[in-house]
Amino acid sequence: MKTERRHYEKSFKKMTVELVNSGKSKGETSIDLGIRQELLSRWCSEFNANSTGSFSGNGRPNLTLRQK
């Protein structure tokens, strides 16, 4: 049986990363919100690398005019 992929809103991802950046552990955050810790780590890496272009969807980062 195939399970459907879960999709998360950009606002949810940002809120989750902000919880981790404020000092809450990734493990505790992932348990509290019901998401895998690996997924949370990926979100944190993406957001911390480029906060303005993160979570654009479908694997395509939002590029600045300079990057285009």
Protein backbone atom coordinates (compact mmCIF):
# COMPACT_ATOMS: atom_id res chain seq x y z
CA MET A 1 0.00 0.00 0.00
CA LYS A 2 1.38 3.38 -0.99
CA THR A 3 1.19 6.27 1.45
CA GLU A 4 0.64 9.85 0.37
CA ARG A 5 3.36 12.41 0.84
CA ARG A 6 2.63 15.06 3.41
CA HIS A 7 2.97 18.67 2.37
CA TYR A 8 3.80 21.43 4.82
CA GLU A 9 3.10 25.12 4.44
CA LYS A 10 6.03 27.51 4.24
CA SER A 11 4.83 29.26 7.42
CA PHE A 12 4.86 25.94 9.33
CA LYS A 13 8.41 25.19 8.18
CA LYS A 14 9.62 28.66 9.20
CA MET A 15 7.95 28.42 12.60
CA THR A 16 9.52 25.02 13.17
CA VAL A 17 13.01 26.22 12.25
CA GLU A 18 12.59 29.28 14.47
CA LEU A 19 11.78 26.97 17.41
CA VAL A 20 15.05 25.12 16.85
CA ASN A 21 17.02 28.34 16.36
CA SER A 22 15.61 29.68 19.63
CA GLY A 23 17.16 26.78 21.53
CA LYS A 24 14.67 23.92 21.46
CA SER A 25 16.29 20.64 20.41
CA LYS A 26 15.55 19.12 17.02
CA GLY A 27 14.58 15.84 18.66
CA GLU A 28 12.09 17.43 21.02
CA THR A 29 10.66 19.66 18.28
CA SER A 30 10.21 16.78 15.87
CA ILE A 31 8.41 14.68 18.50
CA ASP A 32 6.16 17.58 19.56
CA LEU A 33 5.16 18.36 15.96
CA GLY A 34 5.01 14.79 14.66
CA ILE A 35 7.65 15.12 11.95
CA ARG A 36 10.84 13.16 11.29
CA GLN A 37 14.02 14.63 12.74
CA GLU A 38 15.79 14.19 9.38
CA LEU A 39 13.16 16.36 7.71
CA LEU A 40 13.55 19.03 10.37
CA SER A 41 17.33 18.97 9.93
CA ARG A 42 16.93 19.51 6.19
CA TRP A 43 14.59 22.43 6.78
CA CYS A 44 17.06 23.99 9.23
CA SER A 45 19.95 23.61 6.79
CA GLU A 46 17.96 25.11 3.93
CA PHE A 47 16.70 28.04 6.00
CA ASN A 48 20.07 28.83 7.59
CA ALA A 49 21.81 28.73 4.19
CA ASN A 50 19.36 31.14 2.53
CA SER A 51 16.51 32.43 4.67
CA THR A 52 14.93 34.57 1.93
CA GLY A 53 15.00 31.87 -0.75
CA SER A 54 14.14 28.87 1.37
CA PHE A 55 11.02 26.71 1.08
CA SER A 56 10.14 27.76 -2.45
CA GLY A 57 8.62 24.38 -3.29
CA ASN A 58 9.34 21.61 -5.77
CA GLY A 59 13.08 21.76 -5.16
CA ARG A 60 13.49 25.09 -6.90
CA PRO A 61 15.12 27.76 -4.73
CA ASN A 62 13.95 31.35 -4.95
CA LEU A 63 16.80 33.21 -6.60
CA THR A 64 17.69 36.84 -6.10
CA LEU A 65 18.13 39.06 -9.14
CA ARG A 66 21.90 38.69 -8.78
CA GLN A 67 21.71 34.90 -8.79
CA LYS A 68 19.51 34.72 -11.94
